Amino acid sequence: MKPELVHDKTTDVAFIDFFEAKADSRIRVIDVSDDLGLKSQVLARVDQQGNVLGVVIEDYSAFRREVRLKYAAFAVDKIIELIVTTVRGLIQGQHQLATC
């Protein structure tokens, strides 16, 4: 199943959820914008095992404009898939370093 992007037009925030958190999970929110080279704020929700539960994109309209200009891409969905894959890799790498 492919994760679905949900855009709340009232708040202009977009969510992509991969997994539902367990009731007793401790969840961290990590700003990954700089790691992705973006000015728009992109946050990853991560549990204590280092699993990426989802991604939150603040000011989604500005994010779409930035991505279209930066990557000359009109298919923002494909760029979002790339970002999601990159975020998962970043978080898993950080979690492996922290557990060593």
Protein backbone atom coordinates (compact mmCIF):
# COMPACT_ATOMS: atom_id res chain seq x y z
CA MET A 1 0.00 0.00 0.00
CA LYS A 2 1.34 3.40 -0.99
CA PRO A 3 1.21 6.10 1.73
CA GLU A 4 -1.32 8.78 0.92
CA LEU A 5 -0.71 12.50 1.27
CA VAL A 6 -3.49 14.31 3.12
CA HIS A 7 -3.56 18.09 2.71
CA ASP A 8 -5.58 20.09 5.23
CA LYS A 9 -6.42 23.20 3.24
CA THR A 10 -7.57 25.10 6.33
CA THR A 11 -4.15 24.93 8.03
CA ASP A 12 -2.13 24.33 4.81
CA VAL A 13 -0.38 21.38 6.47
CA ALA A 14 0.15 18.05 4.69
CA PHE A 15 0.55 14.68 6.40
CA ILE A 16 1.90 11.39 5.13
CA ASP A 17 1.39 8.53 7.58
CA PHE A 18 3.22 5.20 7.18
CA PHE A 19 2.43 3.45 10.45
CA GLU A 20 0.14 4.01 13.40
CA ALA A 21 1.95 4.51 16.68
CA LYS A 22 1.42 2.02 19.49
CA ALA A 23 -0.40 3.36 22.52
CA ASP A 24 2.71 3.27 24.73
CA SER A 25 5.15 4.64 22.12
CA ARG A 26 7.35 7.64 22.75
CA ILE A 27 7.35 9.76 19.62
CA ARG A 28 9.93 12.37 18.60
CA VAL A 29 9.41 15.01 15.95
CA ILE A 30 12.58 15.79 14.00
CA ASP A 31 13.03 18.71 11.61
CA VAL A 32 14.62 17.25 8.47
CA SER A 33 14.30 20.35 6.26
CA ASP A 34 18.02 21.18 6.31
CA ASP A 35 18.99 17.56 5.61
CA LEU A 36 16.73 17.66 2.54
CA GLY A 37 18.06 21.05 1.43
CA LEU A 38 14.64 22.68 1.69
CA LYS A 39 13.57 26.03 3.11
CA SER A 40 10.07 24.68 3.77
CA GLN A 41 9.61 22.96 7.10
CA VAL A 42 9.44 19.17 6.84
CA LEU A 43 9.11 17.19 10.05
CA ALA A 44 9.48 13.43 10.59
CA ARG A 45 7.61 11.59 13.35
CA VAL A 46 9.82 8.81 14.76
CA ASP A 47 9.22 6.21 17.49
CA GLN A 48 11.83 5.00 20.00
CA GLN A 49 12.88 2.11 17.71
CA GLY A 50 13.79 4.57 14.96
CA ASN A 51 10.79 3.77 12.75
CA VAL A 52 9.53 6.70 10.71
CA LEU A 53 5.80 6.88 11.44
CA GLY A 54 5.08 9.76 9.11
CA VAL A 55 6.04 13.12 7.67
CA VAL A 56 4.44 16.52 8.24
CA ILE A 57 4.91 19.35 5.72
CA GLU A 58 4.16 22.82 7.07
CA ASP A 59 2.95 25.49 4.62
CA TYR A 60 2.32 22.94 1.89
CA SER A 61 1.60 25.59 -0.75
CA ALA A 62 5.06 27.14 -0.28
CA PHE A 63 6.58 23.64 -0.26
CA ARG A 64 4.97 22.83 -3.63
CA ARG A 65 6.29 26.08 -5.13
CA GLU A 66 9.78 25.47 -3.75
CA VAL A 67 9.90 21.90 -5.05
CA ARG A 68 8.64 22.91 -8.48
CA LEU A 69 11.24 25.66 -8.79
CA LYS A 70 14.13 23.73 -7.26
CA TYR A 71 13.60 20.49 -9.16
CA ALA A 72 11.77 21.89 -12.20
CA ALA A 73 9.17 19.27 -11.40
CA PHE A 74 5.48 19.43 -12.02
CA ALA A 75 4.92 15.96 -10.58
CA VAL A 76 5.22 16.94 -6.91
CA ASP A 77 4.01 13.44 -5.95
CA LYS A 78 7.23 11.88 -7.29
CA ILE A 79 9.36 14.41 -5.40
CA ILE A 80 7.41 13.64 -2.22
CA GLU A 81 8.15 9.92 -2.70
CA LEU A 82 11.84 10.78 -3.03
CA ILE A 83 11.70 12.92 0.11
CA VAL A 84 9.95 10.16 2.05
CA THR A 85 12.59 7.62 1.01
CA THR A 86 15.37 10.05 1.95
CA VAL A 87 13.81 10.82 5.35
CA ARG A 88 13.53 7.11 6.14
CA GLY A 89 17.20 6.63 5.24
CA LEU A 90 18.30 9.61 7.33
CA ILE A 91 16.36 8.53 10.40
CA GLN A 92 17.45 4.90 10.18
CA GLY A 93 21.07 5.99 9.84
CA GLN A 94 20.79 8.28 12.87
CA HIS A 95 19.10 5.54 14.91
CA GLN A 96 21.83 3.01 14.05
CA LEU A 97 24.52 5.50 15.12
CA ALA A 98 22.68 6.18 18.38
CA THR A 99 22.42 2.49 19.26
CA CYS A 100 26.11 1.73 18.65
